[in-house]
Amino acid sequence: MQLVTRAEWGAQPPKADWTYVATTQGVKVHYEGEPVPADLVDHHEWCAGRVRAIQAAHLANPTEGWIDIAYNAVICPHSYVFEGRGPHHETGANGNQPLNLAHYAVCAMLGDSGLTEPNDALLAGVCDAIEWLRREGGAGSEVKGHRDGYPTQCPGDPLYAWILAGAPRPAPGGHVPPPGAAGPSHPGGRRGTPGPRKGSRPPRPPQAPPGAAG
């Protein structure tokens, strides 16, 4: 597992203490839900900047009141797992408080356009993140998509098909670039926003292609 800690990717501190969770039923998989540049696969040096941008968007959201990046982990297409809220902390991404307490949330760097198909390195990283949350955070055996139990298209059809197939770990051997400088994220709009933390108002269900669930 190639873990990038919060300090290493340059996380801002949370606005308040995370809510402790002892165990969960498992993990729900998300995507960004907005355009992700297709050439991100060739530029690992962009990935830390993308995670910083996701966190900044969540912290600045005037409606949902997130205290931090909503995900427990974010995974890039180079197989790196970026620590979000981490193990034993309630996610803010699954849609409402009961859903947030039931499952951790991990986000793949995929979008609704541009980079939409997961490569083997990304899938291996998602598997690593799930196993990490099981080992360190008491996650149960369930692996689901954000759309399971919540009205959204997240995590997109390609990634959801992999989940329905049992979330198998791909065979080893794909090229994974070395970690690059934590440079700025690729130009683009705000990152997709997940479901609310705690019991705040859920976002409207997405219309045609998903944009607010990743």
Protein backbone atom coordinates (compact mmCIF):
# COMPACT_ATOMS: atom_id res chain seq x y z
CA MET A 1 0.00 0.00 0.00
CA GLN A 2 1.28 3.44 -0.97
CA LEU A 3 -0.21 5.74 1.66
CA VAL A 4 0.12 9.52 1.41
CA THR A 5 -0.51 11.02 4.84
CA ARG A 6 -2.38 14.24 5.44
CA ALA A 7 0.88 15.99 6.24
CA GLU A 8 2.43 14.75 3.01
CA TRP A 9 -0.37 16.01 0.75
CA GLY A 10 -0.70 19.29 2.64
CA ALA A 11 -4.08 18.93 4.35
CA GLN A 12 -5.66 21.81 6.20
CA PRO A 13 -6.63 20.95 9.78
CA PRO A 14 -10.29 20.02 10.33
CA LYS A 15 -12.59 22.73 11.61
CA ALA A 16 -13.67 20.54 14.52
CA ASP A 17 -12.99 17.12 15.99
CA TRP A 18 -14.02 14.14 13.88
CA THR A 19 -16.74 11.84 15.21
CA TYR A 20 -15.27 8.52 16.37
CA VAL A 21 -16.67 5.28 14.96
CA ALA A 22 -15.51 1.92 16.31
CA THR A 23 -16.62 -0.21 13.37
CA THR A 24 -18.64 0.04 10.16
CA GLN A 25 -20.47 -2.43 7.96
CA GLY A 26 -17.95 -1.79 5.22
CA VAL A 27 -16.90 0.81 2.68
CA LYS A 28 -18.74 2.81 0.03
CA VAL A 29 -16.92 3.85 -3.13
CA HIS A 30 -17.36 7.31 -4.68
CA TYR A 31 -16.02 9.28 -7.62
CA GLU A 32 -15.47 13.00 -8.07
CA GLY A 33 -18.65 13.46 -10.10
CA GLU A 34 -17.26 16.26 -12.27
CA PRO A 35 -14.82 16.37 -15.20
CA VAL A 36 -11.43 14.86 -14.45
CA PRO A 37 -8.68 15.39 -17.05
CA ALA A 38 -8.02 12.22 -19.02
CA ASP A 39 -4.27 12.89 -18.94
CA LEU A 40 -4.20 12.77 -15.14
CA VAL A 41 -2.95 9.21 -15.59
CA ASP A 42 0.29 10.69 -16.99
CA HIS A 43 0.73 13.32 -14.27
CA HIS A 44 0.96 11.97 -10.76
CA GLU A 45 2.36 15.34 -9.70
CA TRP A 46 -1.17 16.75 -10.05
CA CYS A 47 -2.77 14.31 -7.61
CA ALA A 48 -1.90 15.92 -4.28
CA GLY A 49 -3.19 19.22 -5.62
CA ARG A 50 -6.47 17.59 -6.56
CA VAL A 51 -6.90 16.27 -3.03
CA ARG A 52 -6.17 19.72 -1.62
CA ALA A 53 -8.75 21.19 -3.99
CA ILE A 54 -11.38 18.65 -2.92
CA GLN A 55 -10.74 19.46 0.73
CA ALA A 56 -10.86 23.21 0.08
CA ALA A 57 -14.18 22.89 -1.75
CA HIS A 58 -15.67 20.87 1.09
CA LEU A 59 -14.44 23.26 3.78
CA ALA A 60 -15.81 26.24 1.84
CA ASN A 61 -19.24 24.72 1.19
CA PRO A 62 -21.74 27.18 2.75
CA THR A 63 -24.62 24.72 2.90
CA GLU A 64 -23.38 21.38 4.14
CA GLY A 65 -21.12 22.43 6.99
CA TRP A 66 -18.39 19.85 6.47
CA ILE A 67 -15.55 20.08 8.99
CA ASP A 68 -13.00 18.49 6.64
CA ILE A 69 -12.63 16.62 3.39
CA ALA A 70 -15.63 14.31 3.47
CA TYR A 71 -13.87 11.08 2.49
CA ASN A 72 -11.83 8.70 4.60
CA ALA A 73 -9.43 8.29 1.68
CA VAL A 74 -8.94 9.44 -1.92
CA ILE A 75 -7.27 7.18 -4.49
CA CYS A 76 -5.42 8.33 -7.58
CA PRO A 77 -4.90 6.43 -10.86
CA HIS A 78 -1.29 5.75 -9.86
CA SER A 79 -2.38 3.49 -6.96
CA TYR A 80 -1.65 5.97 -4.17
CA VAL A 81 -4.05 6.21 -1.22
CA PHE A 82 -4.35 9.76 0.13
CA GLU A 83 -5.41 9.82 3.75
CA GLY A 84 -8.63 11.78 4.27
CA ARG A 85 -10.45 11.53 7.58
CA GLY A 86 -8.82 8.15 8.00
CA PRO A 87 -9.84 5.12 10.07
CA HIS A 88 -12.25 5.35 13.01
CA HIS A 89 -13.65 8.70 11.86
CA GLU A 90 -17.18 9.19 10.56
CA THR A 91 -17.28 10.09 6.90
CA GLY A 92 -19.30 13.03 5.61
CA ALA A 93 -19.85 11.63 2.13
CA ASN A 94 -22.59 9.00 2.07
CA GLY A 95 -25.71 11.16 2.22
CA ASN A 96 -26.91 11.44 5.81
CA GLN A 97 -25.78 10.51 9.29
CA PRO A 98 -27.12 6.93 9.36
CA LEU A 99 -25.38 6.22 6.03
CA ASN A 100 -22.20 7.93 7.21
CA LEU A 101 -22.08 5.83 10.36
CA ALA A 102 -22.79 2.60 8.48
CA HIS A 103 -19.92 2.74 5.97
CA TYR A 104 -16.63 4.50 5.42
CA ALA A 105 -16.25 6.41 2.14
CA VAL A 106 -13.37 6.30 -0.32
CA CYS A 107 -13.21 8.43 -3.47
CA ALA A 108 -11.58 7.41 -6.74
CA MET A 109 -10.14 10.15 -8.96
CA LEU A 110 -12.63 9.52 -11.74
CA GLY A 111 -15.21 11.86 -13.20
CA ASP A 112 -18.33 12.02 -15.31
CA SER A 113 -16.22 13.06 -18.31
CA GLY A 114 -12.56 12.94 -19.24
CA LEU A 115 -11.13 10.20 -17.04
CA THR A 116 -14.15 7.92 -16.51
CA GLU A 117 -12.71 4.39 -16.72
CA PRO A 118 -10.68 3.05 -13.80
CA ASN A 119 -7.28 1.63 -14.68
CA ASP A 120 -5.77 -1.32 -12.83
CA ALA A 121 -3.57 0.91 -10.69
CA LEU A 122 -6.58 2.85 -9.43
CA LEU A 123 -8.55 -0.32 -8.69
CA ALA A 124 -5.57 -1.75 -6.81
CA GLY A 125 -5.42 1.46 -4.79
CA VAL A 126 -9.12 1.24 -3.97
CA CYS A 127 -8.55 -2.33 -2.79
CA ASP A 128 -5.63 -1.12 -0.66
CA ALA A 129 -7.79 1.61 0.89
CA ILE A 130 -10.58 -0.86 1.70
CA GLU A 131 -8.13 -3.30 3.26
CA TRP A 132 -6.54 -0.45 5.25
CA LEU A 133 -9.92 0.57 6.66
CA ARG A 134 -10.65 -3.04 7.54
CA ARG A 135 -7.28 -3.52 9.21
CA GLU A 136 -7.02 -0.17 10.99
CA GLY A 137 -10.62 0.99 11.27
CA GLY A 138 -12.84 -2.03 11.87
CA ALA A 139 -14.57 -1.86 8.48
CA GLY A 140 -16.79 -4.82 7.73
CA SER A 141 -16.88 -6.87 4.56
CA GLU A 142 -19.39 -4.84 2.54
CA VAL A 143 -18.16 -2.95 -0.53
CA LYS A 144 -20.88 -0.79 -2.06
CA GLY A 145 -21.30 2.23 -4.27
CA HIS A 146 -22.54 5.61 -3.10
CA ARG A 147 -25.71 4.98 -5.14
CA ASP A 148 -26.57 2.01 -2.92
CA GLY A 149 -29.13 3.54 -0.59
CA TYR A 150 -28.84 7.10 -1.89
CA PRO A 151 -30.25 8.75 -5.07
CA THR A 152 -27.13 9.48 -7.11
CA GLN A 153 -25.22 8.15 -10.10
CA CYS A 154 -22.00 8.05 -8.07
CA PRO A 155 -19.56 6.31 -8.46
CA GLY A 156 -20.33 6.18 -12.19
CA ASP A 157 -21.24 3.12 -14.22
CA PRO A 158 -17.71 1.80 -14.97
CA LEU A 159 -16.62 1.81 -11.34
CA TYR A 160 -19.99 0.53 -10.14
CA ALA A 161 -19.76 -2.42 -12.54
CA TRP A 162 -16.49 -3.38 -10.86
CA ILE A 163 -18.17 -3.18 -7.45
CA LEU A 164 -21.04 -5.39 -8.64
CA ALA A 165 -18.45 -7.90 -9.88
CA GLY A 166 -17.17 -8.21 -6.31
CA ALA A 167 -14.50 -5.48 -6.36
CA PRO A 168 -11.75 -7.90 -7.43
CA ARG A 169 -8.13 -6.91 -7.07
CA PRO A 170 -6.51 -6.64 -10.52
CA ALA A 171 -3.50 -8.74 -11.38
CA PRO A 172 -0.21 -6.98 -10.57
CA GLY A 173 2.03 -5.57 -13.25
CA GLY A 174 0.64 -2.19 -14.29
CA HIS A 175 2.99 0.79 -14.48
CA VAL A 176 2.82 3.04 -11.43
CA PRO A 177 4.85 6.26 -11.58
CA PRO A 178 6.89 7.40 -8.58
CA PRO A 179 5.44 10.10 -6.35
CA GLY A 180 5.84 13.56 -7.81
CA ALA A 181 5.91 17.00 -6.32
CA ALA A 182 2.70 18.07 -4.63
CA GLY A 183 2.00 20.60 -7.33
CA PRO A 184 -1.25 22.41 -8.08
CA SER A 185 -4.21 20.48 -9.33
CA HIS A 186 -5.03 20.41 -13.01
CA PRO A 187 -7.03 23.46 -14.08
CA GLY A 188 -10.73 22.93 -13.81
CA GLY A 189 -13.84 23.64 -11.81
CA ARG A 190 -14.68 22.68 -8.29
CA ARG A 191 -14.59 19.06 -7.40
CA GLY A 192 -17.77 17.07 -6.90
CA THR A 193 -19.34 17.25 -3.48
CA PRO A 194 -20.61 14.23 -1.59
CA GLY A 195 -23.65 13.79 0.59
CA PRO A 196 -23.86 15.82 3.76
CA ARG A 197 -22.16 15.11 7.04
CA LYS A 198 -24.46 14.57 10.00
CA GLY A 199 -28.15 15.27 9.50
CA SER A 200 -27.94 18.31 7.28
CA ARG A 201 -30.10 18.71 4.20
CA PRO A 202 -29.11 16.20 1.52
CA PRO A 203 -28.15 17.60 -1.87
CA ARG A 204 -30.69 17.38 -4.66
CA PRO A 205 -30.47 14.13 -6.61
CA PRO A 206 -28.38 14.69 -9.74
CA GLN A 207 -30.14 15.26 -13.00
CA ALA A 208 -28.34 13.98 -16.06
CA PRO A 209 -24.81 13.22 -15.73
CA PRO A 210 -23.90 13.14 -12.06
CA GLY A 211 -22.29 16.26 -10.71
CA ALA A 212 -22.64 16.45 -6.98
CA ALA A 213 -22.10 13.08 -5.46
CA GLY A 214 -18.56 11.92 -5.83
